[in-house]
Amino acid sequence: MADALRPEPLNMTLVELGRLDCRWPVSGEKDKTLFCGHSQAEGSSYCEYHKRAARSRGTVSERNAMKISKVLL
């Protein structure tokens, strides 16, 4: 997925998010986590960009690791 299509995150805290804001974590940990905050895509907790990212095939190394794990099991 091209970075040029990635929206600039709004860096919202969980408390700041509205019920239709993207819940993709972009930085931080625990109570310091910041979220994308853009409008959710229909039927998703994420904006259109992060919805696609969540359903992508993964990186080459992730796909290779999956192949290896299937052989070992």
Protein backbone atom coordinates (compact mmCIF):
# COMPACT_ATOMS: atom_id res chain seq x y z
CA MET A 1 0.00 0.00 0.00
CA ALA A 2 1.47 3.32 -1.04
CA ASP A 3 2.36 5.71 1.76
CA ALA A 4 1.09 8.57 -0.42
CA LEU A 5 -2.46 7.34 0.25
CA ARG A 6 -1.97 7.12 4.01
CA PRO A 7 -3.89 9.85 5.83
CA GLU A 8 -1.98 11.97 8.32
CA PRO A 9 -3.17 10.65 11.72
CA LEU A 10 -5.15 13.01 13.91
CA ASN A 11 -3.38 11.55 16.99
CA MET A 12 -6.45 11.30 19.17
CA THR A 13 -6.60 9.66 22.59
CA LEU A 14 -9.21 6.98 23.27
CA VAL A 15 -11.26 9.51 25.29
CA GLU A 16 -11.21 11.99 22.38
CA LEU A 17 -12.43 9.49 19.76
CA GLY A 18 -16.02 9.77 18.64
CA ARG A 19 -18.03 6.63 17.98
CA LEU A 20 -17.35 6.84 14.22
CA ASP A 21 -13.61 7.68 14.39
CA CYS A 22 -10.88 5.30 13.20
CA ARG A 23 -9.46 3.26 16.08
CA TRP A 24 -6.18 2.28 14.41
CA PRO A 25 -3.39 2.82 16.98
CA VAL A 26 -0.62 4.98 15.53
CA SER A 27 1.72 5.49 18.51
CA GLY A 28 2.17 5.15 22.24
CA GLU A 29 1.35 2.40 24.70
CA LYS A 30 -1.42 1.73 27.19
CA ASP A 31 -3.08 4.98 28.30
CA LYS A 32 -0.68 6.99 26.08
CA THR A 33 -1.89 5.31 22.85
CA LEU A 34 -2.89 7.70 20.07
CA PHE A 35 -5.30 6.70 17.31
CA CYS A 36 -5.80 7.68 13.66
CA GLY A 37 -9.11 9.47 14.31
CA HIS A 38 -10.33 9.83 10.70
CA SER A 39 -13.89 8.82 9.79
CA GLN A 40 -14.55 5.08 9.83
CA ALA A 41 -15.25 3.20 6.62
CA GLU A 42 -18.70 1.62 6.49
CA GLY A 43 -18.83 -1.60 8.51
CA SER A 44 -15.39 -1.10 10.08
CA SER A 45 -13.73 0.34 13.17
CA TYR A 46 -11.07 1.78 10.87
CA CYS A 47 -10.89 4.43 8.14
CA GLU A 48 -10.72 3.13 4.57
CA TYR A 49 -6.91 3.13 4.51
CA HIS A 50 -6.52 1.20 7.78
CA LYS A 51 -9.36 -1.16 6.89
CA ARG A 52 -7.37 -2.18 3.80
CA ALA A 53 -4.13 -2.37 5.81
CA ALA A 54 -5.76 -4.71 8.34
CA ARG A 55 -6.85 -7.06 5.57
CA SER A 56 -3.69 -6.98 3.46
CA ARG A 57 -1.58 -10.03 2.66
CA GLY A 58 1.28 -8.85 4.86
CA THR A 59 4.92 -8.35 4.00
CA VAL A 60 6.99 -10.91 2.10
CA SER A 61 8.72 -11.97 5.33
CA GLU A 62 5.34 -12.37 7.09
CA ARG A 63 4.03 -14.54 4.26
CA ASN A 64 7.23 -16.63 4.29
CA ALA A 65 6.98 -17.08 8.07
CA MET A 66 3.42 -18.34 7.64
CA LYS A 67 4.55 -20.89 5.04
CA ILE A 68 7.32 -22.14 7.34
CA SER A 69 4.99 -22.41 10.34
CA LYS A 70 2.56 -24.53 8.30
CA VAL A 71 5.39 -26.93 7.40
CA LEU A 72 6.48 -27.22 11.03
CA LEU A 73 2.97 -27.95 12.31
